[in-house]
Amino acid sequence: MKLLFVTATNTNIGKTYTTLELIRRFGEKGLSVGVCKPIETGVEDKIQDASALLSSVKNYNTNFKKLIAKDITAYTFTLPASPFCADTHQIIKIESIKNKIKSLSKLCDILIIEGAGGVMVPITKDYMMIDLIQELNPKTLLVTPSKLGCINDTLLSIEALKSRRIDFDWGVNLFEDTESFKEVTQPFYDKAFPKWWTIQDGLGGFVDSVL
């Protein structure tokens, strides 16, 4: 069983979009794919991201057929904020998150874990998303944005992952400022990262590399 962690430079970058694409691609290759959304914030009536992820997984893994969205999460909170801030009663236990991941990993060949926010988002006061990634030791995919300013955010996240010696790759989600991206961002990536790729065009190659 393999673990694949999907993280990003920040919130609203495209983690769920990317995770859904990964589920489809792994599933179409015949793998028994699973998914976990350990923490979801901004939840009111429906656990939105977890519901979408689970609905997709059910197309490829019968072990997830009887599960509901709450079964693939460890914690949900109403406030749309970092887990630490959303957890107003301080109920998060890291061990509970790990146990949820361990339990779901038994139901699949590869478990895709979608984080909350970016790599340095606080889960507790002293425990960040990157700490969870480091302890789980999964293959990690960093999703980065295409808007103006993304170079700085991307480089900072890459440095953070490298400093922890985490096995990761990264891809640009082309969904904002896509026309100006070619002029204001791509020239640097072409020079500094000749093999950089986009989620839209390079995800298939990433999937093959994981397999």
N, C-alpha and C. Protein backbone atom coordinates (compact mmCIF):
# COMPACT_ATOMS: atom_id res chain seq x y z
N MET A 1 0.84 -1.18 0.00
CA MET A 1 0.00 0.00 0.00
C MET A 1 0.88 1.24 0.00
N LYS A 2 0.54 2.20 -0.84
CA LYS A 2 1.28 3.44 -0.95
C LYS A 2 0.45 4.61 -0.42
N LEU A 3 1.15 5.63 0.09
CA LEU A 3 0.50 6.87 0.50
C LEU A 3 0.95 7.98 -0.44
N LEU A 4 0.00 8.79 -0.87
CA LEU A 4 0.28 9.96 -1.69
C LEU A 4 -0.40 11.16 -1.05
N PHE A 5 0.38 12.16 -0.68
CA PHE A 5 -0.15 13.33 0.00
C PHE A 5 -0.22 14.51 -0.97
N VAL A 6 -1.40 15.11 -1.09
CA VAL A 6 -1.58 16.28 -1.95
C VAL A 6 -1.64 17.52 -1.07
N THR A 7 -0.68 18.42 -1.24
CA THR A 7 -0.64 19.66 -0.49
C THR A 7 -0.53 20.82 -1.47
N ALA A 8 -0.39 22.03 -0.96
CA ALA A 8 -0.34 23.20 -1.84
C ALA A 8 0.39 24.35 -1.15
N THR A 9 0.52 25.44 -1.88
CA THR A 9 1.17 26.62 -1.32
C THR A 9 0.23 27.40 -0.41
N ASN A 10 -1.09 27.17 -0.55
CA ASN A 10 -2.07 27.92 0.22
C ASN A 10 -3.43 27.27 0.02
N THR A 11 -4.47 27.92 0.50
CA THR A 11 -5.82 27.43 0.27
C THR A 11 -6.33 27.91 -1.09
N ASN A 12 -7.34 27.23 -1.62
CA ASN A 12 -7.95 27.58 -2.91
C ASN A 12 -6.95 27.59 -4.05
N ILE A 13 -6.05 26.61 -4.05
CA ILE A 13 -5.05 26.49 -5.12
C ILE A 13 -5.43 25.39 -6.11
N GLY A 14 -6.20 24.41 -5.64
CA GLY A 14 -6.63 23.33 -6.53
C GLY A 14 -6.30 21.94 -6.03
N LYS A 15 -6.21 21.76 -4.71
CA LYS A 15 -5.91 20.43 -4.17
C LYS A 15 -7.02 19.43 -4.49
N THR A 16 -8.27 19.84 -4.29
CA THR A 16 -9.38 18.91 -4.52
C THR A 16 -9.50 18.60 -6.02
N TYR A 17 -9.37 19.61 -6.85
CA TYR A 17 -9.38 19.40 -8.30
C TYR A 17 -8.31 18.39 -8.69
N THR A 18 -7.11 18.55 -8.15
CA THR A 18 -6.00 17.66 -8.46
C THR A 18 -6.24 16.27 -7.92
N THR A 19 -6.74 16.19 -6.70
CA THR A 19 -7.00 14.88 -6.08
C THR A 19 -8.04 14.10 -6.87
N LEU A 20 -9.08 14.78 -7.33
CA LEU A 20 -10.10 14.12 -8.15
C LEU A 20 -9.49 13.58 -9.45
N GLU A 21 -8.60 14.34 -10.05
CA GLU A 21 -7.93 13.88 -11.26
C GLU A 21 -7.04 12.68 -10.97
N LEU A 22 -6.36 12.70 -9.83
CA LEU A 22 -5.50 11.56 -9.45
C LEU A 22 -6.33 10.31 -9.21
N ILE A 23 -7.46 10.46 -8.54
CA ILE A 23 -8.34 9.31 -8.30
C ILE A 23 -8.75 8.69 -9.63
N ARG A 24 -9.15 9.52 -10.57
CA ARG A 24 -9.59 9.02 -11.87
C ARG A 24 -8.46 8.30 -12.61
N ARG A 25 -7.29 8.91 -12.59
CA ARG A 25 -6.17 8.33 -13.35
C ARG A 25 -5.68 7.02 -12.73
N PHE A 26 -5.58 6.97 -11.42
CA PHE A 26 -5.18 5.72 -10.77
C PHE A 26 -6.26 4.65 -10.96
N GLY A 27 -7.51 5.07 -10.82
CA GLY A 27 -8.61 4.13 -10.97
C GLY A 27 -8.68 3.55 -12.37
N GLU A 28 -8.46 4.39 -13.38
CA GLU A 28 -8.50 3.90 -14.76
C GLU A 28 -7.33 2.99 -15.09
N LYS A 29 -6.30 3.02 -14.27
CA LYS A 29 -5.18 2.09 -14.45
C LYS A 29 -5.42 0.77 -13.73
N GLY A 30 -6.59 0.66 -13.10
CA GLY A 30 -6.97 -0.59 -12.46
C GLY A 30 -6.57 -0.71 -11.01
N LEU A 31 -6.09 0.38 -10.42
CA LEU A 31 -5.69 0.33 -9.02
C LEU A 31 -6.90 0.51 -8.11
N SER A 32 -6.84 -0.14 -6.96
CA SER A 32 -7.84 0.04 -5.92
C SER A 32 -7.45 1.29 -5.15
N VAL A 33 -7.98 2.43 -5.57
CA VAL A 33 -7.57 3.72 -5.03
C VAL A 33 -8.48 4.13 -3.88
N GLY A 34 -7.90 4.76 -2.88
CA GLY A 34 -8.67 5.26 -1.74
C GLY A 34 -8.35 6.71 -1.50
N VAL A 35 -9.12 7.35 -0.60
CA VAL A 35 -8.90 8.77 -0.35
C VAL A 35 -9.19 9.10 1.11
N CYS A 36 -8.48 10.10 1.61
CA CYS A 36 -8.69 10.58 2.97
C CYS A 36 -8.56 12.10 2.98
N LYS A 37 -9.50 12.76 3.62
CA LYS A 37 -9.44 14.21 3.84
C LYS A 37 -9.40 14.39 5.36
N PRO A 38 -8.21 14.33 5.95
CA PRO A 38 -8.10 14.27 7.41
C PRO A 38 -8.84 15.39 8.14
N ILE A 39 -8.75 16.62 7.61
CA ILE A 39 -9.40 17.76 8.24
C ILE A 39 -10.06 18.61 7.16
N GLU A 40 -11.32 18.95 7.37
CA GLU A 40 -12.00 19.87 6.45
C GLU A 40 -12.65 20.98 7.27
N THR A 41 -12.34 22.20 6.92
CA THR A 41 -12.94 23.35 7.59
C THR A 41 -13.95 24.02 6.66
N GLY A 42 -14.71 24.96 7.20
CA GLY A 42 -15.74 25.62 6.41
C GLY A 42 -16.92 24.72 6.12
N VAL A 43 -17.16 23.75 7.01
CA VAL A 43 -18.24 22.77 6.81
C VAL A 43 -19.51 23.27 7.49
N GLU A 44 -20.59 23.33 6.73
CA GLU A 44 -21.88 23.69 7.31
C GLU A 44 -22.83 22.49 7.22
N ASP A 45 -23.62 22.42 6.19
CA ASP A 45 -24.56 21.30 6.07
C ASP A 45 -23.90 20.06 5.47
N LYS A 46 -22.93 20.26 4.59
CA LYS A 46 -22.34 19.15 3.87
C LYS A 46 -20.82 19.23 3.91
N ILE A 47 -20.19 18.08 4.06
CA ILE A 47 -18.73 18.02 4.01
C ILE A 47 -18.36 18.00 2.53
N GLN A 48 -18.22 19.16 1.96
CA GLN A 48 -18.21 19.32 0.50
C GLN A 48 -17.06 18.60 -0.19
N ASP A 49 -15.82 18.90 0.18
CA ASP A 49 -14.68 18.29 -0.51
C ASP A 49 -14.64 16.79 -0.30
N ALA A 50 -14.82 16.35 0.95
CA ALA A 50 -14.79 14.92 1.25
C ALA A 50 -15.88 14.17 0.50
N SER A 51 -17.05 14.78 0.36
CA SER A 51 -18.15 14.15 -0.37
C SER A 51 -17.79 13.95 -1.83
N ALA A 52 -17.20 14.96 -2.45
CA ALA A 52 -16.80 14.85 -3.85
C ALA A 52 -15.72 13.80 -4.05
N LEU A 53 -14.76 13.77 -3.15
CA LEU A 53 -13.67 12.80 -3.24
C LEU A 53 -14.19 11.38 -3.08
N LEU A 54 -15.04 11.18 -2.08
CA LEU A 54 -15.57 9.84 -1.83
C LEU A 54 -16.44 9.36 -2.98
N SER A 55 -17.25 10.26 -3.53
CA SER A 55 -18.10 9.90 -4.66
C SER A 55 -17.26 9.39 -5.83
N SER A 56 -16.13 10.01 -6.07
CA SER A 56 -15.25 9.58 -7.16
C SER A 56 -14.60 8.24 -6.86
N VAL A 57 -14.11 8.07 -5.64
CA VAL A 57 -13.44 6.82 -5.25
C VAL A 57 -14.37 5.62 -5.37
N LYS A 58 -15.63 5.83 -5.08
CA LYS A 58 -16.59 4.72 -5.13
C LYS A 58 -16.71 4.13 -6.53
N ASN A 59 -16.30 4.88 -7.55
CA ASN A 59 -16.33 4.36 -8.92
C ASN A 59 -15.24 3.32 -9.16
N TYR A 60 -14.22 3.29 -8.27
CA TYR A 60 -13.06 2.45 -8.52
C TYR A 60 -12.73 1.49 -7.38
N ASN A 61 -13.38 1.64 -6.24
CA ASN A 61 -13.04 0.79 -5.09
C ASN A 61 -14.29 0.43 -4.31
N THR A 62 -14.67 -0.83 -4.37
CA THR A 62 -15.90 -1.27 -3.69
C THR A 62 -15.77 -1.20 -2.17
N ASN A 63 -14.55 -1.20 -1.65
CA ASN A 63 -14.36 -1.12 -0.20
C ASN A 63 -14.84 0.20 0.38
N PHE A 64 -14.99 1.21 -0.48
CA PHE A 64 -15.44 2.52 -0.02
C PHE A 64 -16.93 2.74 -0.28
N LYS A 65 -17.61 1.75 -0.86
CA LYS A 65 -19.00 1.91 -1.27
C LYS A 65 -19.94 2.27 -0.12
N LYS A 66 -19.72 1.65 1.04
CA LYS A 66 -20.64 1.85 2.15
C LYS A 66 -20.25 3.01 3.06
N LEU A 67 -19.15 3.67 2.74
CA LEU A 67 -18.69 4.77 3.58
C LEU A 67 -19.44 6.06 3.26
N ILE A 68 -19.51 6.93 4.23
CA ILE A 68 -20.04 8.28 4.02
C ILE A 68 -18.89 9.27 4.19
N ALA A 69 -19.14 10.53 3.82
CA ALA A 69 -18.06 11.52 3.82
C ALA A 69 -17.36 11.62 5.18
N LYS A 70 -18.11 11.53 6.25
CA LYS A 70 -17.53 11.64 7.58
C LYS A 70 -16.53 10.53 7.86
N ASP A 71 -16.70 9.39 7.19
CA ASP A 71 -15.81 8.25 7.40
C ASP A 71 -14.41 8.47 6.86
N ILE A 72 -14.25 9.39 5.91
CA ILE A 72 -12.91 9.61 5.35
C ILE A 72 -12.26 10.88 5.91
N THR A 73 -12.88 11.45 6.95
CA THR A 73 -12.31 12.59 7.65
C THR A 73 -12.10 12.24 9.11
N ALA A 74 -11.12 12.89 9.74
CA ALA A 74 -10.93 12.73 11.18
C ALA A 74 -11.63 13.86 11.93
N TYR A 75 -11.60 15.07 11.33
CA TYR A 75 -12.21 16.24 11.96
C TYR A 75 -12.83 17.16 10.92
N THR A 76 -13.98 17.74 11.26
CA THR A 76 -14.59 18.78 10.45
C THR A 76 -14.95 19.95 11.36
N PHE A 77 -14.83 21.16 10.81
CA PHE A 77 -15.12 22.37 11.58
C PHE A 77 -15.91 23.35 10.73
N THR A 78 -16.72 24.16 11.37
CA THR A 78 -17.57 25.12 10.66
C THR A 78 -16.78 26.31 10.15
N LEU A 79 -15.89 26.83 10.96
CA LEU A 79 -15.16 28.04 10.60
C LEU A 79 -14.22 27.78 9.42
N PRO A 80 -14.30 28.58 8.35
CA PRO A 80 -13.37 28.41 7.22
C PRO A 80 -12.03 29.06 7.55
N ALA A 81 -11.18 28.30 8.21
CA ALA A 81 -9.89 28.82 8.67
C ALA A 81 -8.90 27.67 8.76
N SER A 82 -7.69 27.98 9.19
CA SER A 82 -6.71 26.92 9.41
C SER A 82 -7.27 25.96 10.47
N PRO A 83 -6.86 24.69 10.45
CA PRO A 83 -7.38 23.75 11.44
C PRO A 83 -7.24 24.25 12.88
N PHE A 84 -6.08 24.83 13.21
CA PHE A 84 -5.88 25.30 14.59
C PHE A 84 -6.90 26.38 14.97
N CYS A 85 -7.13 27.32 14.08
CA CYS A 85 -8.08 28.40 14.38
C CYS A 85 -9.53 27.92 14.33
N ALA A 86 -9.81 26.99 13.42
CA ALA A 86 -11.18 26.46 13.31
C ALA A 86 -11.53 25.57 14.50
N ASP A 87 -10.52 24.95 15.08
CA ASP A 87 -10.70 24.06 16.23
C ASP A 87 -10.79 24.89 17.51
N THR A 88 -11.90 25.58 17.68
CA THR A 88 -12.05 26.53 18.79
C THR A 88 -12.06 25.86 20.16
N HIS A 89 -12.37 24.57 20.21
CA HIS A 89 -12.39 23.84 21.49
C HIS A 89 -11.15 22.96 21.67
N GLN A 90 -10.21 23.09 20.74
CA GLN A 90 -8.93 22.36 20.83
C GLN A 90 -9.13 20.85 21.04
N ILE A 91 -9.88 20.26 20.11
CA ILE A 91 -10.17 18.82 20.22
C ILE A 91 -9.26 17.96 19.34
N ILE A 92 -8.51 18.57 18.45
CA ILE A 92 -7.70 17.79 17.50
C ILE A 92 -6.63 16.99 18.23
N LYS A 93 -6.58 15.71 17.91
CA LYS A 93 -5.52 14.82 18.39
C LYS A 93 -4.80 14.26 17.16
N ILE A 94 -3.51 14.48 17.07
CA ILE A 94 -2.76 14.02 15.90
C ILE A 94 -2.87 12.51 15.74
N GLU A 95 -2.89 11.80 16.84
CA GLU A 95 -2.98 10.34 16.78
C GLU A 95 -4.27 9.89 16.12
N SER A 96 -5.34 10.64 16.32
CA SER A 96 -6.63 10.31 15.69
C SER A 96 -6.55 10.46 14.18
N ILE A 97 -5.83 11.47 13.73
CA ILE A 97 -5.62 11.65 12.29
C ILE A 97 -4.82 10.49 11.71
N LYS A 98 -3.77 10.11 12.39
CA LYS A 98 -2.94 9.00 11.92
C LYS A 98 -3.73 7.69 11.91
N ASN A 99 -4.55 7.49 12.92
CA ASN A 99 -5.36 6.27 12.98
C ASN A 99 -6.37 6.21 11.84
N LYS A 100 -6.94 7.36 11.51
CA LYS A 100 -7.89 7.41 10.39
C LYS A 100 -7.19 7.03 9.08
N ILE A 101 -6.01 7.58 8.87
CA ILE A 101 -5.24 7.27 7.66
C ILE A 101 -4.86 5.79 7.63
N LYS A 102 -4.43 5.27 8.77
CA LYS A 102 -4.05 3.85 8.86
C LYS A 102 -5.23 2.94 8.54
N SER A 103 -6.39 3.30 9.07
CA SER A 103 -7.59 2.49 8.85
C SER A 103 -8.00 2.50 7.38
N LEU A 104 -8.01 3.66 6.75
CA LEU A 104 -8.42 3.76 5.36
C LEU A 104 -7.39 3.13 4.42
N SER A 105 -6.13 3.15 4.81
CA SER A 105 -5.08 2.59 3.95
C SER A 105 -5.23 1.08 3.78
N LYS A 106 -5.94 0.43 4.70
CA LYS A 106 -6.15 -1.01 4.62
C LYS A 106 -7.18 -1.38 3.56
N LEU A 107 -7.87 -0.37 3.03
CA LEU A 107 -8.95 -0.61 2.07
C LEU A 107 -8.54 -0.39 0.62
N CYS A 108 -7.25 -0.13 0.39
CA CYS A 108 -6.86 0.25 -0.98
C CYS A 108 -5.39 -0.07 -1.26
N ASP A 109 -5.05 0.02 -2.54
CA ASP A 109 -3.65 -0.15 -2.96
C ASP A 109 -2.86 1.14 -2.77
N ILE A 110 -3.52 2.26 -3.02
CA ILE A 110 -2.89 3.56 -2.85
C ILE A 110 -3.90 4.51 -2.21
N LEU A 111 -3.50 5.16 -1.13
CA LEU A 111 -4.38 6.09 -0.43
C LEU A 111 -3.90 7.52 -0.71
N ILE A 112 -4.78 8.32 -1.28
CA ILE A 112 -4.48 9.73 -1.54
C ILE A 112 -5.01 10.55 -0.37
N ILE A 113 -4.12 11.29 0.24
CA ILE A 113 -4.47 12.13 1.40
C ILE A 113 -4.44 13.58 0.96
N GLU A 114 -5.56 14.26 1.08
CA GLU A 114 -5.61 15.67 0.71
C GLU A 114 -5.52 16.53 1.96
N GLY A 115 -4.47 17.33 2.04
CA GLY A 115 -4.27 18.19 3.19
C GLY A 115 -5.24 19.37 3.21
N ALA A 116 -5.09 20.20 4.25
CA ALA A 116 -5.89 21.42 4.37
C ALA A 116 -4.94 22.61 4.26
N GLY A 117 -5.27 23.56 3.41
CA GLY A 117 -4.40 24.73 3.25
C GLY A 117 -3.05 24.38 2.66
N GLY A 118 -2.02 25.11 3.09
CA GLY A 118 -0.68 24.90 2.56
C GLY A 118 0.20 24.06 3.47
N VAL A 119 1.45 23.93 3.10
CA VAL A 119 2.36 23.03 3.82
C VAL A 119 2.62 23.49 5.25
N MET A 120 2.54 24.81 5.51
CA MET A 120 2.84 25.31 6.84
C MET A 120 1.60 25.71 7.63
N VAL A 121 0.44 25.27 7.19
CA VAL A 121 -0.78 25.59 7.93
C VAL A 121 -0.76 24.86 9.28
N PRO A 122 -1.14 25.55 10.37
CA PRO A 122 -1.10 24.91 11.69
C PRO A 122 -2.29 23.98 11.93
N ILE A 123 -1.97 22.76 12.34
CA ILE A 123 -3.02 21.83 12.78
C ILE A 123 -3.27 22.03 14.27
N THR A 124 -2.19 22.11 15.03
CA THR A 124 -2.23 22.54 16.42
C THR A 124 -1.22 23.68 16.55
N LYS A 125 -1.05 24.19 17.74
CA LYS A 125 -0.13 25.31 17.93
C LYS A 125 1.29 24.95 17.55
N ASP A 126 1.67 23.71 17.79
CA ASP A 126 3.06 23.29 17.58
C ASP A 126 3.22 22.24 16.49
N TYR A 127 2.17 21.98 15.72
CA TYR A 127 2.21 20.88 14.74
C TYR A 127 1.59 21.37 13.44
N MET A 128 2.41 21.45 12.40
CA MET A 128 1.97 21.96 11.11
C MET A 128 1.66 20.81 10.13
N MET A 129 1.03 21.16 9.02
CA MET A 129 0.72 20.15 8.01
C MET A 129 1.99 19.44 7.54
N ILE A 130 3.09 20.17 7.45
CA ILE A 130 4.34 19.59 7.00
C ILE A 130 4.87 18.56 8.00
N ASP A 131 4.53 18.73 9.28
CA ASP A 131 4.93 17.75 10.29
C ASP A 131 4.20 16.42 10.06
N LEU A 132 2.93 16.51 9.70
CA LEU A 132 2.16 15.30 9.41
C LEU A 132 2.74 14.61 8.18
N ILE A 133 3.04 15.38 7.15
CA ILE A 133 3.63 14.81 5.94
C ILE A 133 4.93 14.11 6.27
N GLN A 134 5.77 14.75 7.04
CA GLN A 134 7.08 14.17 7.37
C GLN A 134 6.93 12.87 8.14
N GLU A 135 5.98 12.82 9.07
CA GLU A 135 5.80 11.60 9.87
C GLU A 135 5.20 10.47 9.06
N LEU A 136 4.31 10.78 8.14
CA LEU A 136 3.70 9.74 7.31
C LEU A 136 4.67 9.21 6.27
N ASN A 137 5.60 10.05 5.84
CA ASN A 137 6.61 9.69 4.84
C ASN A 137 5.98 9.21 3.52
N PRO A 138 5.03 9.97 2.97
CA PRO A 138 4.41 9.58 1.71
C PRO A 138 5.13 10.22 0.53
N LYS A 139 4.80 9.78 -0.66
CA LYS A 139 5.13 10.57 -1.84
C LYS A 139 4.23 11.80 -1.76
N THR A 140 4.77 12.97 -2.05
CA THR A 140 4.00 14.20 -1.88
C THR A 140 3.94 14.99 -3.18
N LEU A 141 2.76 15.54 -3.46
CA LEU A 141 2.57 16.41 -4.62
C LEU A 141 2.22 17.80 -4.12
N LEU A 142 3.05 18.76 -4.46
CA LEU A 142 2.80 20.16 -4.14
C LEU A 142 2.10 20.83 -5.32
N VAL A 143 0.89 21.31 -5.11
CA VAL A 143 0.15 22.01 -6.15
C VAL A 143 0.40 23.51 -5.98
N THR A 144 0.86 24.16 -7.04
CA THR A 144 1.18 25.59 -6.96
C THR A 144 0.28 26.38 -7.91
N PRO A 145 0.06 27.67 -7.62
CA PRO A 145 -0.84 28.48 -8.45
C PRO A 145 -0.14 29.12 -9.63
N SER A 146 -0.93 29.75 -10.48
CA SER A 146 -0.38 30.40 -11.68
C SER A 146 -0.53 31.92 -11.63
N LYS A 147 -1.05 32.45 -10.54
CA LYS A 147 -1.29 33.89 -10.46
C LYS A 147 0.00 34.65 -10.14
N LEU A 148 -0.06 35.95 -10.36
CA LEU A 148 1.07 36.81 -10.06
C LEU A 148 1.46 36.67 -8.59
N GLY A 149 2.75 36.49 -8.32
CA GLY A 149 3.22 36.29 -6.95
C GLY A 149 3.48 34.84 -6.61
N CYS A 150 3.13 33.93 -7.53
CA CYS A 150 3.23 32.51 -7.22
C CYS A 150 4.67 32.01 -7.14
N ILE A 151 5.60 32.70 -7.76
CA ILE A 151 6.99 32.26 -7.71
C ILE A 151 7.48 32.24 -6.26
N ASN A 152 7.22 33.33 -5.54
CA ASN A 152 7.64 33.41 -4.15
C ASN A 152 7.02 32.29 -3.31
N ASP A 153 5.70 32.11 -3.45
CA ASP A 153 5.01 31.08 -2.67
C ASP A 153 5.51 29.69 -3.02
N THR A 154 5.76 29.46 -4.29
CA THR A 154 6.25 28.16 -4.74
C THR A 154 7.63 27.87 -4.18
N LEU A 155 8.54 28.83 -4.29
CA LEU A 155 9.90 28.64 -3.80
C LEU A 155 9.95 28.42 -2.29
N LEU A 156 9.12 29.15 -1.55
CA LEU A 156 9.09 28.97 -0.10
C LEU A 156 8.60 27.57 0.27
N SER A 157 7.58 27.09 -0.42
CA SER A 157 7.04 25.75 -0.13
C SER A 157 8.04 24.67 -0.52
N ILE A 158 8.72 24.86 -1.65
CA ILE A 158 9.74 23.91 -2.07
C ILE A 158 10.87 23.85 -1.04
N GLU A 159 11.30 25.00 -0.57
CA GLU A 159 12.36 25.04 0.44
C GLU A 159 11.94 24.34 1.71
N ALA A 160 10.70 24.54 2.12
CA ALA A 160 10.20 23.89 3.33
C ALA A 160 10.21 22.37 3.20
N LEU A 161 9.75 21.88 2.06
CA LEU A 161 9.72 20.43 1.83
C LEU A 161 11.13 19.86 1.75
N LYS A 162 12.02 20.57 1.07
CA LYS A 162 13.41 20.11 0.97
C LYS A 162 14.08 20.07 2.33
N SER A 163 13.78 21.05 3.17
CA SER A 163 14.42 21.12 4.49
C SER A 163 14.05 19.93 5.36
N ARG A 164 12.89 19.31 5.09
CA ARG A 164 12.46 18.13 5.84
C ARG A 164 12.83 16.84 5.11
N ARG A 165 13.50 16.97 3.98
CA ARG A 165 13.89 15.80 3.18
C ARG A 165 12.68 14.96 2.79
N ILE A 166 11.61 15.64 2.40
CA ILE A 166 10.39 14.97 1.97
C ILE A 166 10.46 14.68 0.48
N ASP A 167 10.06 13.48 0.10
CA ASP A 167 10.04 13.06 -1.30
C ASP A 167 8.83 13.71 -1.98
N PHE A 168 9.08 14.70 -2.83
CA PHE A 168 7.97 15.43 -3.42
C PHE A 168 8.24 15.79 -4.88
N ASP A 169 7.16 16.08 -5.57
CA ASP A 169 7.19 16.69 -6.89
C ASP A 169 6.21 17.85 -6.84
N TRP A 170 6.23 18.72 -7.85
CA TRP A 170 5.28 19.83 -7.83
C TRP A 170 4.80 20.13 -9.24
N GLY A 171 3.57 20.63 -9.30
CA GLY A 171 2.97 20.97 -10.58
C GLY A 171 2.15 22.25 -10.45
N VAL A 172 2.12 23.02 -11.52
CA VAL A 172 1.38 24.28 -11.54
C VAL A 172 -0.06 24.03 -11.99
N ASN A 173 -1.00 24.50 -11.19
CA ASN A 173 -2.39 24.44 -11.59
C ASN A 173 -2.74 25.72 -12.35
N LEU A 174 -2.88 25.60 -13.66
CA LEU A 174 -3.17 26.77 -14.51
C LEU A 174 -4.66 27.12 -14.43
N PHE A 175 -5.01 28.00 -13.49
CA PHE A 175 -6.41 28.38 -13.37
C PHE A 175 -6.61 29.85 -13.09
N GLU A 176 -5.54 30.58 -12.79
CA GLU A 176 -5.64 32.02 -12.58
C GLU A 176 -4.56 32.73 -13.39
N ASP A 177 -4.89 33.89 -13.94
CA ASP A 177 -3.91 34.68 -14.70
C ASP A 177 -3.21 33.84 -15.76
N THR A 178 -3.95 32.98 -16.42
CA THR A 178 -3.32 32.02 -17.33
C THR A 178 -2.66 32.68 -18.53
N GLU A 179 -3.21 33.79 -18.98
CA GLU A 179 -2.59 34.47 -20.12
C GLU A 179 -1.31 35.20 -19.71
N SER A 180 -1.37 35.91 -18.63
CA SER A 180 -0.19 36.66 -18.18
C SER A 180 0.89 35.74 -17.61
N PHE A 181 0.50 34.54 -17.19
CA PHE A 181 1.46 33.58 -16.63
C PHE A 181 2.64 33.36 -17.57
N LYS A 182 2.35 33.31 -18.86
CA LYS A 182 3.40 33.04 -19.84
C LYS A 182 4.47 34.12 -19.86
N GLU A 183 4.09 35.32 -19.45
CA GLU A 183 5.02 36.44 -19.47
C GLU A 183 5.61 36.76 -18.11
N VAL A 184 4.78 36.67 -17.04
CA VAL A 184 5.24 37.14 -15.74
C VAL A 184 5.80 36.04 -14.84
N THR A 185 5.57 34.77 -15.20
CA THR A 185 6.03 33.68 -14.34
C THR A 185 6.81 32.61 -15.10
N GLN A 186 6.29 32.17 -16.22
CA GLN A 186 6.88 31.04 -16.94
C GLN A 186 8.36 31.23 -17.30
N PRO A 187 8.80 32.45 -17.66
CA PRO A 187 10.23 32.59 -18.00
C PRO A 187 11.17 32.15 -16.88
N PHE A 188 10.79 32.43 -15.63
CA PHE A 188 11.62 32.00 -14.51
C PHE A 188 11.60 30.49 -14.36
N TYR A 189 10.40 29.90 -14.42
CA TYR A 189 10.30 28.45 -14.30
C TYR A 189 11.08 27.74 -15.41
N ASP A 190 10.99 28.27 -16.62
CA ASP A 190 11.73 27.68 -17.74
C ASP A 190 13.23 27.67 -17.48
N LYS A 191 13.70 28.72 -16.85
CA LYS A 191 15.14 28.85 -16.59
C LYS A 191 15.57 28.06 -15.37
N ALA A 192 14.81 28.16 -14.30
CA ALA A 192 15.20 27.55 -13.03
C ALA A 192 14.77 26.09 -12.91
N PHE A 193 13.66 25.73 -13.54
CA PHE A 193 13.12 24.38 -13.44
C PHE A 193 12.73 23.88 -14.84
N PRO A 194 13.70 23.51 -15.67
CA PRO A 194 13.41 23.14 -17.06
C PRO A 194 12.38 22.02 -17.21
N LYS A 195 12.22 21.20 -16.17
CA LYS A 195 11.28 20.07 -16.25
C LYS A 195 9.97 20.35 -15.51
N TRP A 196 9.68 21.61 -15.23
CA TRP A 196 8.44 21.94 -14.54
C TRP A 196 7.25 21.52 -15.40
N TRP A 197 6.13 21.27 -14.76
CA TRP A 197 4.96 20.79 -15.49
C TRP A 197 3.68 21.35 -14.89
N THR A 198 2.60 21.24 -15.64
CA THR A 198 1.30 21.71 -15.17
C THR A 198 0.42 20.52 -14.80
N ILE A 199 -0.50 20.77 -13.89
CA ILE A 199 -1.47 19.75 -13.50
C ILE A 199 -2.27 19.31 -14.72
N GLN A 200 -2.59 20.26 -15.59
CA GLN A 200 -3.42 19.96 -16.75
C GLN A 200 -2.71 19.05 -17.76
N ASP A 201 -1.40 19.19 -17.93
CA ASP A 201 -0.69 18.44 -18.96
C ASP A 201 0.27 17.37 -18.42
N GLY A 202 0.69 17.50 -17.17
CA GLY A 202 1.74 16.61 -16.68
C GLY A 202 1.33 15.60 -15.63
N LEU A 203 0.05 15.58 -15.27
CA LEU A 203 -0.37 14.70 -14.18
C LEU A 203 -0.23 13.23 -14.54
N GLY A 204 -0.43 12.91 -15.82
CA GLY A 204 -0.28 11.52 -16.25
C GLY A 204 1.12 11.02 -16.02
N GLY A 205 2.12 11.84 -16.34
CA GLY A 205 3.51 11.45 -16.11
C GLY A 205 3.81 11.29 -14.63
N PHE A 206 3.22 12.15 -13.80
CA PHE A 206 3.41 12.03 -12.35
C PHE A 206 2.84 10.72 -11.85
N VAL A 207 1.64 10.37 -12.29
CA VAL A 207 1.01 9.11 -11.88
C VAL A 207 1.90 7.93 -12.25
N ASP A 208 2.44 7.95 -13.44
CA ASP A 208 3.33 6.86 -13.88
C ASP A 208 4.56 6.77 -12.99
N SER A 209 5.09 7.93 -12.56
CA SER A 209 6.28 7.93 -11.72
C SER A 209 6.00 7.37 -10.34
N VAL A 210 4.77 7.56 -9.85
CA VAL A 210 4.37 7.03 -8.54
C VAL A 210 4.25 5.52 -8.60
N LEU A 211 3.73 5.04 -9.74
CA LEU A 211 3.56 3.59 -9.90
C LEU A 211 4.89 2.89 -10.09
